[in-house]
Amino acid sequence: MEKFTIYYHNIRGIKSKWASLMNIIEEKQPTLVALVETHTKEQEMYERIPGYNIIRRERKEKEGGGIALIYKTSTMQNMITILPSEEENEDIILWIKIANSRIRIKVGIV
């Protein structure tokens, strides 16, 4: 695996900060991007990010909240498993396992 980097941001509303986030991703090329407080609804679409996939969870019953994990496809495509959550509020918790023959890492976003 190449250099593994994580970019974390409490974005407080992704729609108004999308262009800025794209600039950061393009410049830094992080392996993972963890975002909290995305303030999106399930039906809202994210713009495609070349070279990355997105896993998201939106808060279903209240305004605000929401989390997203954006990962570099070339590095992580066959290494990520979404883990089941035992929490009541599964919509605002996301656990993944990153694993290959050399590493095993769990990452949680709350």
C-alpha atoms as a PDB file:
ATOM      1  CA  MET A   1       0.000   0.000   0.000  1.00  0.00           C
ATOM      2  CA  GLU A   2       1.192   3.498  -0.760  1.00  0.00           C
ATOM      3  CA  LYS A   3       1.353   6.183   1.925  1.00  0.00           C
ATOM      4  CA  PHE A   4      -1.879   6.075   3.966  1.00  0.00           C
ATOM      5  CA  THR A   5      -3.337   9.476   4.907  1.00  0.00           C
ATOM      6  CA  ILE A   6      -6.636  10.511   6.467  1.00  0.00           C
ATOM      7  CA  TYR A   7      -8.230  13.942   6.163  1.00  0.00           C
ATOM      8  CA  TYR A   8     -10.918  14.655   8.795  1.00  0.00           C
ATOM      9  CA  HIS A   9     -13.281  17.626   8.741  1.00  0.00           C
ATOM     10  CA  ASN A  10     -16.357  18.733  10.682  1.00  0.00           C
ATOM     11  CA  ILE A  11     -17.707  20.289   7.514  1.00  0.00           C
ATOM     12  CA  ARG A  12     -20.979  21.741   8.934  1.00  0.00           C
ATOM     13  CA  GLY A  13     -22.829  21.564   5.630  1.00  0.00           C
ATOM     14  CA  ILE A  14     -21.140  19.993   2.641  1.00  0.00           C
ATOM     15  CA  LYS A  15     -23.145  21.732  -0.094  1.00  0.00           C
ATOM     16  CA  SER A  16     -21.678  25.174   0.484  1.00  0.00           C
ATOM     17  CA  LYS A  17     -18.151  23.809   0.936  1.00  0.00           C
ATOM     18  CA  TRP A  18     -18.034  21.293  -1.921  1.00  0.00           C
ATOM     19  CA  ALA A  19     -15.662  23.298  -4.165  1.00  0.00           C
ATOM     20  CA  SER A  20     -13.273  23.914  -1.272  1.00  0.00           C
ATOM     21  CA  LEU A  21     -13.342  20.209  -0.324  1.00  0.00           C
ATOM     22  CA  MET A  22     -12.581  19.230  -3.942  1.00  0.00           C
ATOM     23  CA  ASN A  23      -9.564  21.575  -3.924  1.00  0.00           C
ATOM     24  CA  ILE A  24      -8.259  19.958  -0.726  1.00  0.00           C
ATOM     25  CA  ILE A  25      -8.750  16.437  -2.103  1.00  0.00           C
ATOM     26  CA  GLU A  26      -7.042  17.350  -5.375  1.00  0.00           C
ATOM     27  CA  GLU A  27      -4.097  18.986  -3.603  1.00  0.00           C
ATOM     28  CA  LYS A  28      -3.565  16.488  -0.743  1.00  0.00           C
ATOM     29  CA  GLN A  29      -4.770  13.254  -2.441  1.00  0.00           C
ATOM     30  CA  PRO A  30      -5.716  11.649   0.922  1.00  0.00           C
ATOM     31  CA  THR A  31      -6.390   7.923   1.083  1.00  0.00           C
ATOM     32  CA  LEU A  32      -9.472   8.500   3.270  1.00  0.00           C
ATOM     33  CA  VAL A  33     -11.606  11.571   3.861  1.00  0.00           C
ATOM     34  CA  ALA A  34     -13.842  11.445   6.950  1.00  0.00           C
ATOM     35  CA  LEU A  35     -16.565  14.085   7.126  1.00  0.00           C
ATOM     36  CA  VAL A  36     -19.044  14.767   9.916  1.00  0.00           C
ATOM     37  CA  GLU A  37     -22.005  17.160  10.037  1.00  0.00           C
ATOM     38  CA  THR A  38     -22.602  16.932   6.285  1.00  0.00           C
ATOM     39  CA  HIS A  39     -26.203  18.194   6.737  1.00  0.00           C
ATOM     40  CA  THR A  40     -27.536  16.261   3.746  1.00  0.00           C
ATOM     41  CA  LYS A  41     -30.629  14.167   3.192  1.00  0.00           C
ATOM     42  CA  GLU A  42     -30.713  10.667   1.657  1.00  0.00           C
ATOM     43  CA  GLN A  43     -32.176  11.829  -1.640  1.00  0.00           C
ATOM     44  CA  GLU A  44     -29.487  14.490  -2.155  1.00  0.00           C
ATOM     45  CA  MET A  45     -26.757  13.400  -4.526  1.00  0.00           C
ATOM     46  CA  TYR A  46     -23.057  14.087  -4.167  1.00  0.00           C
ATOM     47  CA  GLU A  47     -21.087  15.067  -7.225  1.00  0.00           C
ATOM     48  CA  ARG A  48     -18.741  12.328  -8.443  1.00  0.00           C
ATOM     49  CA  ILE A  49     -15.129  12.700  -7.293  1.00  0.00           C
ATOM     50  CA  PRO A  50     -12.738  11.218  -9.883  1.00  0.00           C
ATOM     51  CA  GLY A  51     -10.695   8.408  -8.319  1.00  0.00           C
ATOM     52  CA  TYR A  52     -12.801   8.201  -5.130  1.00  0.00           C
ATOM     53  CA  ASN A  53     -15.888   6.385  -3.834  1.00  0.00           C
ATOM     54  CA  ILE A  54     -18.251   7.686  -1.175  1.00  0.00           C
ATOM     55  CA  ILE A  55     -20.015   5.890   1.698  1.00  0.00           C
ATOM     56  CA  ARG A  56     -22.522   8.077   3.513  1.00  0.00           C
ATOM     57  CA  ARG A  57     -25.033   8.035   6.345  1.00  0.00           C
ATOM     58  CA  GLU A  58     -27.636  10.708   6.896  1.00  0.00           C
ATOM     59  CA  ARG A  59     -29.541  11.405  10.075  1.00  0.00           C
ATOM     60  CA  LYS A  60     -33.095  10.283   9.358  1.00  0.00           C
ATOM     61  CA  GLU A  61     -35.165  11.896  12.079  1.00  0.00           C
ATOM     62  CA  LYS A  62     -33.553  15.267  12.738  1.00  0.00           C
ATOM     63  CA  GLU A  63     -32.007  18.092  10.772  1.00  0.00           C
ATOM     64  CA  GLY A  64     -28.234  18.314  10.606  1.00  0.00           C
ATOM     65  CA  GLY A  65     -25.874  15.478  11.302  1.00  0.00           C
ATOM     66  CA  GLY A  66     -24.732  13.153   8.565  1.00  0.00           C
ATOM     67  CA  ILE A  67     -21.364  11.535   7.943  1.00  0.00           C
ATOM     68  CA  ALA A  68     -19.397  10.522   4.871  1.00  0.00           C
ATOM     69  CA  LEU A  69     -16.312   8.474   4.178  1.00  0.00           C
ATOM     70  CA  ILE A  70     -14.592   9.150   0.870  1.00  0.00           C
ATOM     71  CA  TYR A  71     -11.877   6.698  -0.125  1.00  0.00           C
ATOM     72  CA  LYS A  72      -9.327   6.486  -2.912  1.00  0.00           C
ATOM     73  CA  THR A  73     -10.425   3.712  -5.230  1.00  0.00           C
ATOM     74  CA  SER A  74      -7.001   2.872  -6.637  1.00  0.00           C
ATOM     75  CA  THR A  75      -5.653   2.162  -3.153  1.00  0.00           C
ATOM     76  CA  MET A  76      -8.677   0.922  -1.213  1.00  0.00           C
ATOM     77  CA  GLN A  77     -11.106  -0.674  -3.713  1.00  0.00           C
ATOM     78  CA  ASN A  78     -10.896  -4.285  -2.537  1.00  0.00           C
ATOM     79  CA  MET A  79      -9.759  -3.567   1.009  1.00  0.00           C
ATOM     80  CA  ILE A  80     -12.824  -1.936   2.599  1.00  0.00           C
ATOM     81  CA  THR A  81     -15.614  -3.781   4.370  1.00  0.00           C
ATOM     82  CA  ILE A  82     -18.509  -1.882   5.942  1.00  0.00           C
ATOM     83  CA  LEU A  83     -19.037  -3.342   9.400  1.00  0.00           C
ATOM     84  CA  PRO A  84     -22.503  -3.756  10.901  1.00  0.00           C
ATOM     85  CA  SER A  85     -23.297  -1.364  13.713  1.00  0.00           C
ATOM     86  CA  GLU A  86     -24.823  -2.481  16.985  1.00  0.00           C
ATOM     87  CA  GLU A  87     -25.882   1.055  17.832  1.00  0.00           C
ATOM     88  CA  GLU A  88     -29.478   2.266  17.768  1.00  0.00           C
ATOM     89  CA  ASN A  89     -28.562   5.315  15.717  1.00  0.00           C
ATOM     90  CA  GLU A  90     -26.908   3.493  12.829  1.00  0.00           C
ATOM     91  CA  ASP A  91     -27.551   6.461  10.579  1.00  0.00           C
ATOM     92  CA  ILE A  92     -24.852   8.526  12.295  1.00  0.00           C
ATOM     93  CA  ILE A  93     -22.229   5.849  12.933  1.00  0.00           C
ATOM     94  CA  LEU A  94     -20.059   4.163  10.326  1.00  0.00           C
ATOM     95  CA  TRP A  95     -17.412   1.520  10.995  1.00  0.00           C
ATOM     96  CA  ILE A  96     -15.231   0.084   8.258  1.00  0.00           C
ATOM     97  CA  LYS A  97     -12.459  -2.482   8.222  1.00  0.00           C
ATOM     98  CA  ILE A  98      -9.467  -1.949   5.964  1.00  0.00           C
ATOM     99  CA  ALA A  99      -7.579  -5.176   5.402  1.00  0.00           C
ATOM    100  CA  ASN A 100      -5.151  -6.848   3.075  1.00  0.00           C
ATOM    101  CA  SER A 101      -2.398  -9.409   3.606  1.00  0.00           C
ATOM    102  CA  ARG A 102      -0.257  -6.862   5.502  1.00  0.00           C
ATOM    103  CA  ILE A 103      -2.645  -4.673   7.519  1.00  0.00           C
ATOM    104  CA  ARG A 104      -5.922  -4.699   9.450  1.00  0.00           C
ATOM    105  CA  ILE A 105      -7.350  -1.377  10.559  1.00  0.00           C
ATOM    106  CA  LYS A 106     -10.787  -0.397  11.842  1.00  0.00           C
ATOM    107  CA  VAL A 107     -11.961   3.159  11.303  1.00  0.00           C
ATOM    108  CA  GLY A 108     -15.059   4.650  12.889  1.00  0.00           C
ATOM    109  CA  ILE A 109     -16.850   7.875  12.095  1.00  0.00           C
ATOM    110  CA  VAL A 110     -19.444   9.156  14.565  1.00  0.00           C
END
